[in-house]
Amino acid sequence: MGEGYLLQNQQPEAGERFTALARLLDPVTCRHFDRLGVAEGWRCWEIGAGGATTPNWLARRVGPAAR
C-alpha cells in the first residue's frame, strides 16, 4: 500500500475532481446560503475551505459595497 493520501492534490486529475465536487456540492451550499438570507450588503467571512466557486458566489450575492 502506498503512502500519503489516496486523492492527492498533486495528481494530474485533481483539477477535474475539484470541478466535479463544485458542480455536485455548490447547489447545496447555495441553498443553505439562500435559507440564511444572504443578501446585498452582508459581511461574509469565507475561510478558504474549498475552491473559488463559493467565495465568488458570495461576492456576487452581497455586492460590491459589502465586506
N, C-alpha and C. Protein backbone atom coordinates (compact mmCIF):
# COMPACT_ATOMS: atom_id res chain seq x y z
N MET A 1 0.84 -1.19 0.00
CA MET A 1 0.00 0.00 0.00
C MET A 1 0.88 1.24 0.00
N GLY A 2 0.57 2.21 -0.87
CA GLY A 2 1.36 3.43 -0.98
C GLY A 2 1.17 4.35 0.21
N GLU A 3 2.08 5.28 0.33
CA GLU A 3 1.99 6.25 1.42
C GLU A 3 1.25 7.50 0.96
N GLY A 4 0.73 8.25 1.89
CA GLY A 4 0.08 9.51 1.58
C GLY A 4 -1.42 9.36 1.38
N TYR A 5 -1.99 10.40 0.84
CA TYR A 5 -3.42 10.44 0.63
C TYR A 5 -3.81 9.72 -0.66
N LEU A 6 -4.98 9.15 -0.67
CA LEU A 6 -5.49 8.49 -1.87
C LEU A 6 -5.73 9.50 -2.99
N LEU A 7 -6.31 10.64 -2.65
CA LEU A 7 -6.65 11.66 -3.65
C LEU A 7 -5.79 12.90 -3.42
N GLN A 8 -4.53 12.82 -3.77
CA GLN A 8 -3.61 13.93 -3.55
C GLN A 8 -3.87 15.08 -4.52
N ASN A 9 -3.66 16.28 -4.03
CA ASN A 9 -3.89 17.46 -4.86
C ASN A 9 -2.87 17.60 -5.97
N GLN A 10 -1.75 16.91 -5.89
CA GLN A 10 -0.72 17.00 -6.92
C GLN A 10 -1.01 16.08 -8.10
N GLN A 11 -2.01 15.23 -8.00
CA GLN A 11 -2.33 14.33 -9.10
C GLN A 11 -2.85 15.14 -10.29
N PRO A 12 -2.54 14.70 -11.51
CA PRO A 12 -2.98 15.45 -12.70
C PRO A 12 -4.49 15.65 -12.77
N GLU A 13 -5.26 14.72 -12.27
CA GLU A 13 -6.72 14.83 -12.36
C GLU A 13 -7.35 15.61 -11.21
N ALA A 14 -6.53 16.19 -10.33
CA ALA A 14 -7.07 16.90 -9.17
C ALA A 14 -7.98 18.05 -9.59
N GLY A 15 -7.61 18.81 -10.62
CA GLY A 15 -8.44 19.92 -11.07
C GLY A 15 -9.81 19.45 -11.53
N GLU A 16 -9.85 18.35 -12.25
CA GLU A 16 -11.14 17.79 -12.68
C GLU A 16 -11.96 17.34 -11.49
N ARG A 17 -11.30 16.79 -10.49
CA ARG A 17 -12.00 16.35 -9.28
C ARG A 17 -12.62 17.54 -8.56
N PHE A 18 -11.85 18.64 -8.44
CA PHE A 18 -12.37 19.82 -7.77
C PHE A 18 -13.56 20.42 -8.53
N THR A 19 -13.47 20.42 -9.84
CA THR A 19 -14.58 20.92 -10.66
C THR A 19 -15.83 20.07 -10.45
N ALA A 20 -15.65 18.75 -10.44
CA ALA A 20 -16.78 17.84 -10.25
C ALA A 20 -17.38 18.02 -8.86
N LEU A 21 -16.56 18.17 -7.84
CA LEU A 21 -17.07 18.37 -6.48
C LEU A 21 -17.84 19.68 -6.39
N ALA A 22 -17.34 20.73 -7.04
CA ALA A 22 -18.05 22.02 -7.02
C ALA A 22 -19.42 21.88 -7.69
N ARG A 23 -19.46 21.20 -8.83
CA ARG A 23 -20.75 21.01 -9.52
C ARG A 23 -21.73 20.21 -8.66
N LEU A 24 -21.21 19.27 -7.90
CA LEU A 24 -22.05 18.43 -7.07
C LEU A 24 -22.52 19.16 -5.80
N LEU A 25 -21.61 19.87 -5.16
CA LEU A 25 -21.90 20.41 -3.84
C LEU A 25 -22.31 21.88 -3.81
N ASP A 26 -21.94 22.66 -4.83
CA ASP A 26 -22.29 24.09 -4.82
C ASP A 26 -23.79 24.36 -4.73
N PRO A 27 -24.62 23.62 -5.45
CA PRO A 27 -26.06 23.88 -5.32
C PRO A 27 -26.56 23.70 -3.89
N VAL A 28 -26.05 22.73 -3.19
CA VAL A 28 -26.45 22.51 -1.79
C VAL A 28 -25.98 23.68 -0.93
N THR A 29 -24.73 24.09 -1.12
CA THR A 29 -24.18 25.20 -0.36
C THR A 29 -24.97 26.48 -0.61
N CYS A 30 -25.27 26.75 -1.87
CA CYS A 30 -26.02 27.97 -2.20
C CYS A 30 -27.42 27.94 -1.63
N ARG A 31 -28.05 26.78 -1.60
CA ARG A 31 -29.38 26.68 -0.98
C ARG A 31 -29.31 27.01 0.50
N HIS A 32 -28.25 26.55 1.18
CA HIS A 32 -28.08 26.90 2.60
C HIS A 32 -27.95 28.40 2.77
N PHE A 33 -27.13 29.03 1.91
CA PHE A 33 -26.97 30.49 1.99
C PHE A 33 -28.28 31.20 1.70
N ASP A 34 -29.05 30.70 0.74
CA ASP A 34 -30.36 31.29 0.44
C ASP A 34 -31.27 31.22 1.67
N ARG A 35 -31.29 30.06 2.32
CA ARG A 35 -32.14 29.90 3.52
C ARG A 35 -31.71 30.82 4.65
N LEU A 36 -30.39 31.09 4.73
CA LEU A 36 -29.90 32.02 5.75
C LEU A 36 -30.26 33.46 5.43
N GLY A 37 -30.60 33.72 4.17
CA GLY A 37 -30.97 35.06 3.77
C GLY A 37 -29.80 35.94 3.34
N VAL A 38 -28.69 35.32 2.95
CA VAL A 38 -27.54 36.10 2.49
C VAL A 38 -27.99 37.04 1.39
N ALA A 39 -27.70 38.33 1.57
CA ALA A 39 -28.21 39.34 0.64
C ALA A 39 -27.22 40.48 0.50
N GLU A 40 -27.56 41.41 -0.37
CA GLU A 40 -26.72 42.58 -0.64
C GLU A 40 -26.37 43.28 0.67
N GLY A 41 -25.10 43.63 0.80
CA GLY A 41 -24.64 44.37 1.96
C GLY A 41 -24.15 43.52 3.13
N TRP A 42 -24.35 42.24 3.08
CA TRP A 42 -23.90 41.37 4.17
C TRP A 42 -22.39 41.40 4.27
N ARG A 43 -21.89 41.12 5.48
CA ARG A 43 -20.47 40.89 5.69
C ARG A 43 -20.28 39.39 5.82
N CYS A 44 -19.38 38.83 5.01
CA CYS A 44 -19.17 37.39 4.98
C CYS A 44 -17.70 37.07 5.24
N TRP A 45 -17.49 35.99 5.94
CA TRP A 45 -16.12 35.53 6.17
C TRP A 45 -16.01 34.15 5.56
N GLU A 46 -15.29 34.05 4.47
CA GLU A 46 -15.07 32.78 3.79
C GLU A 46 -13.66 32.33 4.14
N ILE A 47 -13.52 31.14 4.74
CA ILE A 47 -12.23 30.74 5.30
C ILE A 47 -11.35 29.93 4.35
N GLY A 48 -11.75 29.81 3.10
CA GLY A 48 -10.90 29.14 2.13
C GLY A 48 -10.86 27.64 2.26
N ALA A 49 -11.97 27.04 2.58
CA ALA A 49 -12.00 25.58 2.76
C ALA A 49 -12.28 24.84 1.46
N GLY A 50 -12.31 25.54 0.36
CA GLY A 50 -12.60 24.89 -0.91
C GLY A 50 -12.10 25.73 -2.07
N GLY A 51 -12.71 25.55 -3.21
CA GLY A 51 -12.31 26.29 -4.40
C GLY A 51 -12.88 27.69 -4.41
N ALA A 52 -12.78 28.32 -5.55
CA ALA A 52 -13.20 29.72 -5.68
C ALA A 52 -14.69 29.90 -5.95
N THR A 53 -15.42 28.83 -6.22
CA THR A 53 -16.81 28.99 -6.62
C THR A 53 -17.69 29.54 -5.49
N THR A 54 -17.47 29.12 -4.27
CA THR A 54 -18.28 29.61 -3.15
C THR A 54 -17.98 31.07 -2.84
N PRO A 55 -16.72 31.48 -2.69
CA PRO A 55 -16.49 32.91 -2.45
C PRO A 55 -16.94 33.79 -3.61
N ASN A 56 -16.83 33.30 -4.84
CA ASN A 56 -17.32 34.08 -5.99
C ASN A 56 -18.84 34.24 -5.91
N TRP A 57 -19.55 33.20 -5.55
CA TRP A 57 -21.00 33.27 -5.41
C TRP A 57 -21.36 34.27 -4.32
N LEU A 58 -20.67 34.18 -3.17
CA LEU A 58 -20.94 35.10 -2.07
C LEU A 58 -20.69 36.55 -2.50
N ALA A 59 -19.59 36.78 -3.20
CA ALA A 59 -19.26 38.14 -3.63
C ALA A 59 -20.33 38.71 -4.55
N ARG A 60 -20.81 37.89 -5.46
CA ARG A 60 -21.90 38.36 -6.35
C ARG A 60 -23.17 38.63 -5.55
N ARG A 61 -23.47 37.79 -4.58
CA ARG A 61 -24.71 37.93 -3.82
C ARG A 61 -24.71 39.16 -2.92
N VAL A 62 -23.60 39.42 -2.25
CA VAL A 62 -23.57 40.53 -1.29
C VAL A 62 -23.24 41.85 -1.95
N GLY A 63 -22.70 41.84 -3.15
CA GLY A 63 -22.47 43.06 -3.90
C GLY A 63 -21.17 43.77 -3.57
N PRO A 64 -20.85 44.78 -4.36
CA PRO A 64 -19.55 45.46 -4.22
C PRO A 64 -19.41 46.31 -2.97
N ALA A 65 -20.51 46.73 -2.36
CA ALA A 65 -20.42 47.57 -1.16
C ALA A 65 -20.27 46.74 0.12
N ALA A 66 -20.40 45.44 0.00
CA ALA A 66 -20.32 44.58 1.18
C ALA A 66 -18.87 44.27 1.52
N ARG A 67 -18.72 43.54 2.58
CA ARG A 67 -17.37 43.10 3.00
C ARG A 67 -17.33 41.60 3.09
